[in-house]
Amino acid sequence: MESGNMDRMIRLKRPEFNRDADTGQNVQELVDLEPPEEWAQIVDESGNELFQSDKKTARSSKKFKIHYREDVDEMCVVEYRGRLFDIDRMQEIQRRRGLLLYGTWTQGKYNE
């Protein structure tokens, strides 16, 4: 796998659920994986706007190519340039040489 094209820094996060002390409800927080930062090659897949509940919403899809990690799965989230991308699907590259993460950012989902 060519590391020279991996010239963008991303952060990998995982949702964790904790009980709110005041309300007793489960609250989702995104916590960093260890180590959280990873060099990646990023390819724009698509971008569009759609209407949901009479409101225009922007979406963007990207493909993140990273070195193989055991701790990354579809529950993880990729942070790139202040936006959080849900991992829609993953593909292993050549028997643990790398991972392709296909992610989607949806405007307003994580209140960024």
PDB file of N, CA and C in Angstrom:
ATOM      1  N   MET A   1       0.843  -1.171   0.000  1.00  0.00           N
ATOM      2  CA  MET A   1       0.000   0.000   0.000  1.00  0.00           C
ATOM      3  C   MET A   1       0.887   1.232   0.000  1.00  0.00           C
ATOM      4  N   GLU A   2       0.582   2.206  -0.845  1.00  0.00           N
ATOM      5  CA  GLU A   2       1.405   3.403  -0.978  1.00  0.00           C
ATOM      6  C   GLU A   2       1.068   4.420   0.107  1.00  0.00           C
ATOM      7  N   SER A   3       1.985   4.626   1.027  1.00  0.00           N
ATOM      8  CA  SER A   3       1.754   5.565   2.120  1.00  0.00           C
ATOM      9  C   SER A   3       1.907   7.016   1.676  1.00  0.00           C
ATOM     10  N   GLY A   4       2.605   7.251   0.557  1.00  0.00           N
ATOM     11  CA  GLY A   4       2.834   8.612   0.096  1.00  0.00           C
ATOM     12  C   GLY A   4       1.563   9.374  -0.219  1.00  0.00           C
ATOM     13  N   ASN A   5       0.511   8.659  -0.607  1.00  0.00           N
ATOM     14  CA  ASN A   5      -0.763   9.314  -0.908  1.00  0.00           C
ATOM     15  C   ASN A   5      -1.595   9.580   0.341  1.00  0.00           C
ATOM     16  N   MET A   6      -1.179   9.038   1.454  1.00  0.00           N
ATOM     17  CA  MET A   6      -1.901   9.246   2.714  1.00  0.00           C
ATOM     18  C   MET A   6      -1.378  10.528   3.341  1.00  0.00           C
ATOM     19  N   ASP A   7      -1.957  11.648   2.898  1.00  0.00           N
ATOM     20  CA  ASP A   7      -1.436  12.953   3.283  1.00  0.00           C
ATOM     21  C   ASP A   7      -2.433  13.813   4.059  1.00  0.00           C
ATOM     22  N   ARG A   8      -3.501  13.206   4.551  1.00  0.00           N
ATOM     23  CA  ARG A   8      -4.509  13.929   5.327  1.00  0.00           C
ATOM     24  C   ARG A   8      -4.657  13.261   6.691  1.00  0.00           C
ATOM     25  N   MET A   9      -4.761  14.062   7.719  1.00  0.00           N
ATOM     26  CA  MET A   9      -4.912  13.542   9.076  1.00  0.00           C
ATOM     27  C   MET A   9      -6.397  13.462   9.433  1.00  0.00           C
ATOM     28  N   ILE A  10      -6.813  12.296   9.914  1.00  0.00           N
ATOM     29  CA  ILE A  10      -8.182  12.110  10.390  1.00  0.00           C
ATOM     30  C   ILE A  10      -8.123  11.657  11.844  1.00  0.00           C
ATOM     31  N   ARG A  11      -9.263  11.713  12.524  1.00  0.00           N
ATOM     32  CA  ARG A  11      -9.387  11.166  13.876  1.00  0.00           C
ATOM     33  C   ARG A  11     -10.473  10.104  13.846  1.00  0.00           C
ATOM     34  N   LEU A  12     -10.224   9.017  14.538  1.00  0.00           N
ATOM     35  CA  LEU A  12     -11.188   7.930  14.614  1.00  0.00           C
ATOM     36  C   LEU A  12     -11.836   7.922  15.987  1.00  0.00           C
ATOM     37  N   LYS A  13     -13.166   7.819  15.991  1.00  0.00           N
ATOM     38  CA  LYS A  13     -13.934   7.875  17.239  1.00  0.00           C
ATOM     39  C   LYS A  13     -14.927   6.720  17.270  1.00  0.00           C
ATOM     40  N   ARG A  14     -15.383   6.412  18.487  1.00  0.00           N
ATOM     41  CA  ARG A  14     -16.369   5.358  18.696  1.00  0.00           C
ATOM     42  C   ARG A  14     -17.440   5.896  19.650  1.00  0.00           C
ATOM     43  N   PRO A  15     -18.714   5.603  19.368  1.00  0.00           N
ATOM     44  CA  PRO A  15     -19.758   6.031  20.293  1.00  0.00           C
ATOM     45  C   PRO A  15     -19.696   5.248  21.596  1.00  0.00           C
ATOM     46  N   GLU A  16     -19.914   5.948  22.681  1.00  0.00           N
ATOM     47  CA  GLU A  16     -19.954   5.334  24.011  1.00  0.00           C
ATOM     48  C   GLU A  16     -21.198   5.882  24.704  1.00  0.00           C
ATOM     49  N   PHE A  17     -21.913   5.024  25.385  1.00  0.00           N
ATOM     50  CA  PHE A  17     -23.145   5.441  26.044  1.00  0.00           C
ATOM     51  C   PHE A  17     -22.921   5.502  27.548  1.00  0.00           C
ATOM     52  N   ASN A  18     -23.286   6.643  28.124  1.00  0.00           N
ATOM     53  CA  ASN A  18     -23.165   6.857  29.568  1.00  0.00           C
ATOM     54  C   ASN A  18     -24.502   7.358  30.098  1.00  0.00           C
ATOM     55  N   ARG A  19     -24.741   7.086  31.361  1.00  0.00           N
ATOM     56  CA  ARG A  19     -25.981   7.539  31.990  1.00  0.00           C
ATOM     57  C   ARG A  19     -25.802   8.956  32.523  1.00  0.00           C
ATOM     58  N   ASP A  20     -26.721   9.844  32.119  1.00  0.00           N
ATOM     59  CA  ASP A  20     -26.706  11.224  32.591  1.00  0.00           C
ATOM     60  C   ASP A  20     -27.077  11.241  34.073  1.00  0.00           C
ATOM     61  N   ALA A  21     -26.251  11.876  34.896  1.00  0.00           N
ATOM     62  CA  ALA A  21     -26.464  11.890  36.349  1.00  0.00           C
ATOM     63  C   ALA A  21     -27.752  12.610  36.732  1.00  0.00           C
ATOM     64  N   ASP A  22     -28.137  13.643  35.971  1.00  0.00           N
ATOM     65  CA  ASP A  22     -29.335  14.421  36.310  1.00  0.00           C
ATOM     66  C   ASP A  22     -30.626  13.768  35.829  1.00  0.00           C
ATOM     67  N   THR A  23     -30.628  13.277  34.580  1.00  0.00           N
ATOM     68  CA  THR A  23     -31.870  12.758  34.003  1.00  0.00           C
ATOM     69  C   THR A  23     -31.979  11.241  34.064  1.00  0.00           C
ATOM     70  N   GLY A  24     -30.854  10.543  34.215  1.00  0.00           N
ATOM     71  CA  GLY A  24     -30.864   9.098  34.224  1.00  0.00           C
ATOM     72  C   GLY A  24     -30.953   8.481  32.843  1.00  0.00           C
ATOM     73  N   GLN A  25     -30.979   9.312  31.807  1.00  0.00           N
ATOM     74  CA  GLN A  25     -31.068   8.809  30.441  1.00  0.00           C
ATOM     75  C   GLN A  25     -29.679   8.453  29.910  1.00  0.00           C
ATOM     76  N   ASN A  26     -29.660   7.510  28.966  1.00  0.00           N
ATOM     77  CA  ASN A  26     -28.410   7.178  28.288  1.00  0.00           C
ATOM     78  C   ASN A  26     -28.066   8.298  27.305  1.00  0.00           C
ATOM     79  N   VAL A  27     -26.820   8.745  27.360  1.00  0.00           N
ATOM     80  CA  VAL A  27     -26.348   9.818  26.497  1.00  0.00           C
ATOM     81  C   VAL A  27     -25.176   9.287  25.685  1.00  0.00           C
ATOM     82  N   GLN A  28     -25.231   9.532  24.377  1.00  0.00           N
ATOM     83  CA  GLN A  28     -24.142   9.075  23.506  1.00  0.00           C
ATOM     84  C   GLN A  28     -23.049  10.130  23.436  1.00  0.00           C
ATOM     85  N   GLU A  29     -21.808   9.687  23.630  1.00  0.00           N
ATOM     86  CA  GLU A  29     -20.644  10.543  23.467  1.00  0.00           C
ATOM     87  C   GLU A  29     -19.698   9.848  22.503  1.00  0.00           C
ATOM     88  N   LEU A  30     -18.957  10.633  21.736  1.00  0.00           N
ATOM     89  CA  LEU A  30     -17.946  10.064  20.853  1.00  0.00           C
ATOM     90  C   LEU A  30     -16.595  10.182  21.529  1.00  0.00           C
ATOM     91  N   VAL A  31     -15.936   9.046  21.702  1.00  0.00           N
ATOM     92  CA  VAL A  31     -14.625   9.026  22.353  1.00  0.00           C
ATOM     93  C   VAL A  31     -13.572   8.591  21.323  1.00  0.00           C
ATOM     94  N   ASP A  32     -12.377   9.137  21.466  1.00  0.00           N
ATOM     95  CA  ASP A  32     -11.288   8.823  20.548  1.00  0.00           C
ATOM     96  C   ASP A  32     -10.813   7.387  20.721  1.00  0.00           C
ATOM     97  N   LEU A  33     -10.487   6.735  19.606  1.00  0.00           N
ATOM     98  CA  LEU A  33      -9.776   5.466  19.662  1.00  0.00           C
ATOM     99  C   LEU A  33      -8.335   5.771  20.039  1.00  0.00           C
ATOM    100  N   GLU A  34      -7.602   4.773  20.477  1.00  0.00           N
ATOM    101  CA  GLU A  34      -6.193   4.973  20.829  1.00  0.00           C
ATOM    102  C   GLU A  34      -5.292   4.210  19.873  1.00  0.00           C
ATOM    103  N   PRO A  35      -4.405   4.823  19.165  1.00  0.00           N
ATOM    104  CA  PRO A  35      -4.270   6.274  19.003  1.00  0.00           C
ATOM    105  C   PRO A  35      -5.379   6.795  18.092  1.00  0.00           C
ATOM    106  N   PRO A  36      -5.832   8.022  18.330  1.00  0.00           N
ATOM    107  CA  PRO A  36      -6.974   8.532  17.575  1.00  0.00           C
ATOM    108  C   PRO A  36      -6.623   9.026  16.170  1.00  0.00           C
ATOM    109  N   GLU A  37      -5.403   9.527  15.993  1.00  0.00           N
ATOM    110  CA  GLU A  37      -5.059  10.133  14.707  1.00  0.00           C
ATOM    111  C   GLU A  37      -4.500   9.095  13.740  1.00  0.00           C
ATOM    112  N   GLU A  38      -4.841   9.266  12.480  1.00  0.00           N
ATOM    113  CA  GLU A  38      -4.439   8.319  11.448  1.00  0.00           C
ATOM    114  C   GLU A  38      -4.250   9.082  10.139  1.00  0.00           C
ATOM    115  N   TRP A  39      -3.165   8.778   9.437  1.00  0.00           N
ATOM    116  CA  TRP A  39      -2.965   9.353   8.111  1.00  0.00           C
ATOM    117  C   TRP A  39      -3.868   8.624   7.132  1.00  0.00           C
ATOM    118  N   ALA A  40      -4.467   9.380   6.196  1.00  0.00           N
ATOM    119  CA  ALA A  40      -5.414   8.793   5.255  1.00  0.00           C
ATOM    120  C   ALA A  40      -5.284   9.429   3.879  1.00  0.00           C
ATOM    121  N   GLN A  41      -5.658   8.649   2.880  1.00  0.00           N
ATOM    122  CA  GLN A  41      -5.884   9.187   1.544  1.00  0.00           C
ATOM    123  C   GLN A  41      -7.392   9.374   1.445  1.00  0.00           C
ATOM    124  N   ILE A  42      -7.820  10.542   0.986  1.00  0.00           N
ATOM    125  CA  ILE A  42      -9.251  10.842   0.964  1.00  0.00           C
ATOM    126  C   ILE A  42      -9.698  11.121  -0.460  1.00  0.00           C
ATOM    127  N   VAL A  43     -10.796  10.472  -0.850  1.00  0.00           N
ATOM    128  CA  VAL A  43     -11.367  10.648  -2.171  1.00  0.00           C
ATOM    129  C   VAL A  43     -12.812  11.099  -1.993  1.00  0.00           C
ATOM    130  N   ASP A  44     -13.182  12.213  -2.661  1.00  0.00           N
ATOM    131  CA  ASP A  44     -14.576  12.656  -2.640  1.00  0.00           C
ATOM    132  C   ASP A  44     -15.412  11.693  -3.450  1.00  0.00           C
ATOM    133  N   GLU A  45     -16.478  11.204  -2.864  1.00  0.00           N
ATOM    134  CA  GLU A  45     -17.373  10.293  -3.555  1.00  0.00           C
ATOM    135  C   GLU A  45     -18.551  11.042  -4.162  1.00  0.00           C
ATOM    136  N   SER A  46     -19.219  11.872  -3.355  1.00  0.00           N
ATOM    137  CA  SER A  46     -20.368  12.634  -3.854  1.00  0.00           C
ATOM    138  C   SER A  46     -20.771  13.676  -2.823  1.00  0.00           C
ATOM    139  N   GLY A  47     -21.611  14.556  -3.254  1.00  0.00           N
ATOM    140  CA  GLY A  47     -22.198  15.554  -2.367  1.00  0.00           C
ATOM    141  C   GLY A  47     -23.551  15.930  -2.931  1.00  0.00           C
ATOM    142  N   ASN A  48     -24.513  16.186  -2.048  1.00  0.00           N
ATOM    143  CA  ASN A  48     -25.830  16.578  -2.532  1.00  0.00           C
ATOM    144  C   ASN A  48     -26.611  17.261  -1.427  1.00  0.00           C
ATOM    145  N   GLU A  49     -27.748  17.764  -1.816  1.00  0.00           N
ATOM    146  CA  GLU A  49     -28.687  18.343  -0.856  1.00  0.00           C
ATOM    147  C   GLU A  49     -29.994  17.598  -1.014  1.00  0.00           C
ATOM    148  N   LEU A  50     -30.696  17.403   0.103  1.00  0.00           N
ATOM    149  CA  LEU A  50     -31.985  16.764   0.042  1.00  0.00           C
ATOM    150  C   LEU A  50     -32.912  17.431   1.041  1.00  0.00           C
ATOM    151  N   PHE A  51     -34.187  17.204   0.876  1.00  0.00           N
ATOM    152  CA  PHE A  51     -35.170  17.778   1.777  1.00  0.00           C
ATOM    153  C   PHE A  51     -35.653  16.701   2.745  1.00  0.00           C
ATOM    154  N   GLN A  52     -35.523  16.997   4.036  1.00  0.00           N
ATOM    155  CA  GLN A  52     -36.017  16.117   5.085  1.00  0.00           C
ATOM    156  C   GLN A  52     -36.844  16.961   6.033  1.00  0.00           C
ATOM    157  N   SER A  53     -38.079  16.569   6.246  1.00  0.00           N
ATOM    158  CA  SER A  53     -38.987  17.298   7.141  1.00  0.00           C
ATOM    159  C   SER A  53     -39.052  18.773   6.763  1.00  0.00           C
ATOM    160  N   ASP A  54     -39.256  19.045   5.474  1.00  0.00           N
ATOM    161  CA  ASP A  54     -39.381  20.410   4.948  1.00  0.00           C
ATOM    162  C   ASP A  54     -38.149  21.263   5.207  1.00  0.00           C
ATOM    163  N   LYS A  55     -36.996  20.630   5.319  1.00  0.00           N
ATOM    164  CA  LYS A  55     -35.754  21.344   5.589  1.00  0.00           C
ATOM    165  C   LYS A  55     -34.683  20.821   4.647  1.00  0.00           C
ATOM    166  N   LYS A  56     -33.901  21.735   4.064  1.00  0.00           N
ATOM    167  CA  LYS A  56     -32.831  21.327   3.166  1.00  0.00           C
ATOM    168  C   LYS A  56     -31.639  20.851   3.986  1.00  0.00           C
ATOM    169  N   THR A  57     -31.124  19.671   3.641  1.00  0.00           N
ATOM    170  CA  THR A  57     -30.015  19.068   4.365  1.00  0.00           C
ATOM    171  C   THR A  57     -28.903  18.712   3.378  1.00  0.00           C
ATOM    172  N   ALA A  58     -27.674  19.096   3.719  1.00  0.00           N
ATOM    173  CA  ALA A  58     -26.525  18.767   2.878  1.00  0.00           C
ATOM    174  C   ALA A  58     -25.936  17.439   3.325  1.00  0.00           C
ATOM    175  N   ARG A  59     -25.415  16.690   2.347  1.00  0.00           N
ATOM    176  CA  ARG A  59     -24.734  15.425   2.620  1.00  0.00           C
ATOM    177  C   ARG A  59     -23.479  15.362   1.766  1.00  0.00           C
ATOM    178  N   SER A  60     -22.488  14.684   2.287  1.00  0.00           N
ATOM    179  CA  SER A  60     -21.235  14.506   1.565  1.00  0.00           C
ATOM    180  C   SER A  60     -20.695  13.119   1.853  1.00  0.00           C
ATOM    181  N   SER A  61     -20.211  12.448   0.821  1.00  0.00           N
ATOM    182  CA  SER A  61     -19.632  11.110   0.991  1.00  0.00           C
ATOM    183  C   SER A  61     -18.166  11.136   0.595  1.00  0.00           C
ATOM    184  N   LYS A  62     -17.350  10.447   1.385  1.00  0.00           N
ATOM    185  CA  LYS A  62     -15.921  10.361   1.113  1.00  0.00           C
ATOM    186  C   LYS A  62     -15.453   8.935   1.349  1.00  0.00           C
ATOM    187  N   LYS A  63     -14.352   8.602   0.686  1.00  0.00           N
ATOM    188  CA  LYS A  63     -13.699   7.318   0.892  1.00  0.00           C
ATOM    189  C   LYS A  63     -12.368   7.610   1.572  1.00  0.00           C
ATOM    190  N   PHE A  64     -12.129   6.967   2.729  1.00  0.00           N
ATOM    191  CA  PHE A  64     -10.915   7.146   3.514  1.00  0.00           C
ATOM    192  C   PHE A  64     -10.095   5.867   3.430  1.00  0.00           C
ATOM    193  N   LYS A  65      -8.870   5.970   2.921  1.00  0.00           N
ATOM    194  CA  LYS A  65      -7.974   4.821   2.839  1.00  0.00           C
ATOM    195  C   LYS A  65      -6.944   4.963   3.949  1.00  0.00           C
ATOM    196  N   ILE A  66      -6.892   3.970   4.859  1.00  0.00           N
ATOM    197  CA  ILE A  66      -5.981   4.029   6.005  1.00  0.00           C
ATOM    198  C   ILE A  66      -5.233   2.709   6.127  1.00  0.00           C
ATOM    199  N   HIS A  67      -4.190   2.699   6.957  1.00  0.00           N
ATOM    200  CA  HIS A  67      -3.515   1.446   7.284  1.00  0.00           C
ATOM    201  C   HIS A  67      -4.459   0.582   8.110  1.00  0.00           C
ATOM    202  N   TYR A  68      -4.291  -0.715   8.046  1.00  0.00           N
ATOM    203  CA  TYR A  68      -5.174  -1.646   8.745  1.00  0.00           C
ATOM    204  C   TYR A  68      -5.119  -1.429  10.253  1.00  0.00           C
ATOM    205  N   ARG A  69      -6.291  -1.456  10.866  1.00  0.00           N
ATOM    206  CA  ARG A  69      -6.420  -1.380  12.326  1.00  0.00           C
ATOM    207  C   ARG A  69      -7.480  -2.374  12.761  1.00  0.00           C
ATOM    208  N   GLU A  70      -7.202  -3.102  13.831  1.00  0.00           N
ATOM    209  CA  GLU A  70      -8.153  -4.085  14.378  1.00  0.00           C
ATOM    210  C   GLU A  70      -9.353  -3.413  15.046  1.00  0.00           C
ATOM    211  N   ASP A  71      -9.170  -2.200  15.548  1.00  0.00           N
ATOM    212  CA  ASP A  71     -10.202  -1.571  16.379  1.00  0.00           C
ATOM    213  C   ASP A  71     -11.210  -0.724  15.606  1.00  0.00           C
ATOM    214  N   VAL A  72     -11.159  -0.735  14.287  1.00  0.00           N
ATOM    215  CA  VAL A  72     -12.087   0.060  13.483  1.00  0.00           C
ATOM    216  C   VAL A  72     -13.174  -0.847  12.923  1.00  0.00           C
ATOM    217  N   ASP A  73     -14.434  -0.404  13.085  1.00  0.00           N
ATOM    218  CA  ASP A  73     -15.563  -1.127  12.505  1.00  0.00           C
ATOM    219  C   ASP A  73     -16.626  -0.112  12.085  1.00  0.00           C
ATOM    220  N   GLU A  74     -17.781  -0.613  11.630  1.00  0.00           N
ATOM    221  CA  GLU A  74     -18.839   0.273  11.133  1.00  0.00           C
ATOM    222  C   GLU A  74     -19.494   1.128  12.217  1.00  0.00           C
ATOM    223  N   MET A  75     -19.220   0.849  13.474  1.00  0.00           N
ATOM    224  CA  MET A  75     -19.744   1.684  14.560  1.00  0.00           C
ATOM    225  C   MET A  75     -18.919   2.953  14.746  1.00  0.00           C
ATOM    226  N   CYS A  76     -17.712   2.969  14.201  1.00  0.00           N
ATOM    227  CA  CYS A  76     -16.809   4.112  14.381  1.00  0.00           C
ATOM    228  C   CYS A  76     -17.239   5.294  13.522  1.00  0.00           C
ATOM    229  N   VAL A  77     -16.665   6.443  13.843  1.00  0.00           N
ATOM    230  CA  VAL A  77     -16.920   7.697  13.145  1.00  0.00           C
ATOM    231  C   VAL A  77     -15.568   8.290  12.781  1.00  0.00           C
ATOM    232  N   VAL A  78     -15.482   8.878  11.582  1.00  0.00           N
ATOM    233  CA  VAL A  78     -14.266   9.547  11.129  1.00  0.00           C
ATOM    234  C   VAL A  78     -14.467  11.046  11.264  1.00  0.00           C
ATOM    235  N   GLU A  79     -13.536  11.720  11.940  1.00  0.00           N
ATOM    236  CA  GLU A  79     -13.573  13.179  12.009  1.00  0.00           C
ATOM    237  C   GLU A  79     -12.539  13.717  11.031  1.00  0.00           C
ATOM    238  N   TYR A  80     -13.000  14.578  10.122  1.00  0.00           N
ATOM    239  CA  TYR A  80     -12.121  15.178   9.126  1.00  0.00           C
ATOM    240  C   TYR A  80     -12.552  16.613   8.894  1.00  0.00           C
ATOM    241  N   ARG A  81     -11.617  17.535   9.120  1.00  0.00           N
ATOM    242  CA  ARG A  81     -11.869  18.974   8.948  1.00  0.00           C
ATOM    243  C   ARG A  81     -13.104  19.440   9.710  1.00  0.00           C
ATOM    244  N   GLY A  82     -13.265  18.949  10.934  1.00  0.00           N
ATOM    245  CA  GLY A  82     -14.358  19.385  11.786  1.00  0.00           C
ATOM    246  C   GLY A  82     -15.701  18.738  11.507  1.00  0.00           C
ATOM    247  N   ARG A  83     -15.744  17.832  10.547  1.00  0.00           N
ATOM    248  CA  ARG A  83     -16.992  17.131  10.225  1.00  0.00           C
ATOM    249  C   ARG A  83     -16.875  15.669  10.635  1.00  0.00           C
ATOM    250  N   LEU A  84     -18.007  15.111  11.052  1.00  0.00           N
ATOM    251  CA  LEU A  84     -18.048  13.716  11.499  1.00  0.00           C
ATOM    252  C   LEU A  84     -18.750  12.867  10.447  1.00  0.00           C
ATOM    253  N   PHE A  85     -18.042  11.866   9.954  1.00  0.00           N
ATOM    254  CA  PHE A  85     -18.544  10.983   8.908  1.00  0.00           C
ATOM    255  C   PHE A  85     -18.874   9.621   9.514  1.00  0.00           C
ATOM    256  N   ASP A  86     -20.125   9.180   9.359  1.00  0.00           N
ATOM    257  CA  ASP A  86     -20.510   7.827   9.752  1.00  0.00           C
ATOM    258  C   ASP A  86     -19.907   6.850   8.755  1.00  0.00           C
ATOM    259  N   ILE A  87     -19.383   5.744   9.232  1.00  0.00           N
ATOM    260  CA  ILE A  87     -18.843   4.719   8.341  1.00  0.00           C
ATOM    261  C   ILE A  87     -20.002   3.847   7.879  1.00  0.00           C
ATOM    262  N   ASP A  88     -20.290   3.928   6.581  1.00  0.00           N
ATOM    263  CA  ASP A  88     -21.391   3.154   5.996  1.00  0.00           C
ATOM    264  C   ASP A  88     -20.978   1.723   5.710  1.00  0.00           C
ATOM    265  N   ARG A  89     -19.740   1.561   5.248  1.00  0.00           N
ATOM    266  CA  ARG A  89     -19.222   0.221   4.978  1.00  0.00           C
ATOM    267  C   ARG A  89     -17.703   0.276   4.955  1.00  0.00           C
ATOM    268  N   MET A  90     -17.090  -0.900   5.056  1.00  0.00           N
ATOM    269  CA  MET A  90     -15.627  -1.029   5.084  1.00  0.00           C
ATOM    270  C   MET A  90     -15.207  -2.116   4.119  1.00  0.00           C
ATOM    271  N   GLN A  91     -13.965  -1.978   3.668  1.00  0.00           N
ATOM    272  CA  GLN A  91     -13.399  -3.005   2.800  1.00  0.00           C
ATOM    273  C   GLN A  91     -11.937  -3.194   3.177  1.00  0.00           C
ATOM    274  N   GLU A  92     -11.554  -4.428   3.422  1.00  0.00           N
ATOM    275  CA  GLU A  92     -10.167  -4.727   3.754  1.00  0.00           C
ATOM    276  C   GLU A  92      -9.327  -4.744   2.479  1.00  0.00           C
ATOM    277  N   ILE A  93      -8.127  -4.183   2.554  1.00  0.00           N
ATOM    278  CA  ILE A  93      -7.205  -4.151   1.417  1.00  0.00           C
ATOM    279  C   ILE A  93      -6.132  -5.211   1.637  1.00  0.00           C
ATOM    280  N   GLN A  94      -6.027  -6.135   0.722  1.00  0.00           N
ATOM    281  CA  GLN A  94      -4.969  -7.143   0.682  1.00  0.00           C
ATOM    282  C   GLN A  94      -4.589  -7.738   2.039  1.00  0.00           C
ATOM    283  N   ARG A  95      -5.480  -8.457   2.625  1.00  0.00           N
ATOM    284  CA  ARG A  95      -5.195  -9.201   3.860  1.00  0.00           C
ATOM    285  C   ARG A  95      -4.483  -8.350   4.913  1.00  0.00           C
ATOM    286  N   ARG A  96      -5.202  -7.399   5.448  1.00  0.00           N
ATOM    287  CA  ARG A  96      -4.740  -6.563   6.565  1.00  0.00           C
ATOM    288  C   ARG A  96      -3.657  -5.549   6.210  1.00  0.00           C
ATOM    289  N   ARG A  97      -3.547  -5.189   4.950  1.00  0.00           N
ATOM    290  CA  ARG A  97      -2.605  -4.115   4.591  1.00  0.00           C
ATOM    291  C   ARG A  97      -3.245  -2.754   4.797  1.00  0.00           C
ATOM    292  N   GLY A  98      -4.557  -2.682   4.646  1.00  0.00           N
ATOM    293  CA  GLY A  98      -5.239  -1.405   4.801  1.00  0.00           C
ATOM    294  C   GLY A  98      -6.735  -1.584   4.878  1.00  0.00           C
ATOM    295  N   LEU A  99      -7.421  -0.453   5.049  1.00  0.00           N
ATOM    296  CA  LEU A  99      -8.879  -0.427   5.086  1.00  0.00           C
ATOM    297  C   LEU A  99      -9.383   0.709   4.219  1.00  0.00           C
ATOM    298  N   LEU A 100     -10.468   0.461   3.515  1.00  0.00           N
ATOM    299  CA  LEU A 100     -11.210   1.524   2.854  1.00  0.00           C
ATOM    300  C   LEU A 100     -12.461   1.753   3.680  1.00  0.00           C
ATOM    301  N   LEU A 101     -12.632   2.981   4.144  1.00  0.00           N
ATOM    302  CA  LEU A 101     -13.804   3.359   4.933  1.00  0.00           C
ATOM    303  C   LEU A 101     -14.663   4.273   4.080  1.00  0.00           C
ATOM    304  N   TYR A 102     -15.894   3.893   3.831  1.00  0.00           N
ATOM    305  CA  TYR A 102     -16.814   4.707   3.057  1.00  0.00           C
ATOM    306  C   TYR A 102     -17.701   5.440   4.055  1.00  0.00           C
ATOM    307  N   GLY A 103     -17.573   6.765   4.093  1.00  0.00           N
ATOM    308  CA  GLY A 103     -18.271   7.536   5.115  1.00  0.00           C
ATOM    309  C   GLY A 103     -19.172   8.616   4.551  1.00  0.00           C
ATOM    310  N   THR A 104     -20.206   8.950   5.327  1.00  0.00           N
ATOM    311  CA  THR A 104     -21.157   9.989   4.942  1.00  0.00           C
ATOM    312  C   THR A 104     -21.306  10.992   6.067  1.00  0.00           C
ATOM    313  N   TRP A 105     -21.185  12.279   5.711  1.00  0.00           N
ATOM    314  CA  TRP A 105     -21.461  13.380   6.630  1.00  0.00           C
ATOM    315  C   TRP A 105     -22.840  13.906   6.293  1.00  0.00           C
ATOM    316  N   THR A 106     -23.679  14.106   7.306  1.00  0.00           N
ATOM    317  CA  THR A 106     -25.000  14.676   7.139  1.00  0.00           C
ATOM    318  C   THR A 106     -25.099  15.927   7.980  1.00  0.00           C
ATOM    319  N   GLN A 107     -25.422  17.038   7.344  1.00  0.00           N
ATOM    320  CA  GLN A 107     -25.495  18.328   8.028  1.00  0.00           C
ATOM    321  C   GLN A 107     -26.414  18.256   9.235  1.00  0.00           C
ATOM    322  N   GLY A 108     -25.885  18.687  10.396  1.00  0.00           N
ATOM    323  CA  GLY A 108     -26.683  18.795  11.605  1.00  0.00           C
ATOM    324  C   GLY A 108     -26.834  17.520  12.415  1.00  0.00           C
ATOM    325  N   LYS A 109     -26.339  16.384  11.928  1.00  0.00           N
ATOM    326  CA  LYS A 109     -26.534  15.137  12.669  1.00  0.00           C
ATOM    327  C   LYS A 109     -25.830  15.157  14.026  1.00  0.00           C
ATOM    328  N   TYR A 110     -24.608  15.668  14.049  1.00  0.00           N
ATOM    329  CA  TYR A 110     -23.836  15.691  15.291  1.00  0.00           C
ATOM    330  C   TYR A 110     -23.694  17.107  15.854  1.00  0.00           C
ATOM    331  N   ASN A 111     -24.492  18.036  15.364  1.00  0.00           N
ATOM    332  CA  ASN A 111     -24.467  19.424  15.832  1.00  0.00           C
ATOM    333  C   ASN A 111     -23.099  20.071  15.692  1.00  0.00           C
ATOM    334  N   GLU A 112     -22.381  19.733  14.592  1.00  0.00           N
ATOM    335  CA  GLU A 112     -21.095  20.385  14.397  1.00  0.00           C
ATOM    336  C   GLU A 112     -21.280  21.703  13.705  1.00  0.00           C
TER     337      GLU A 112
END
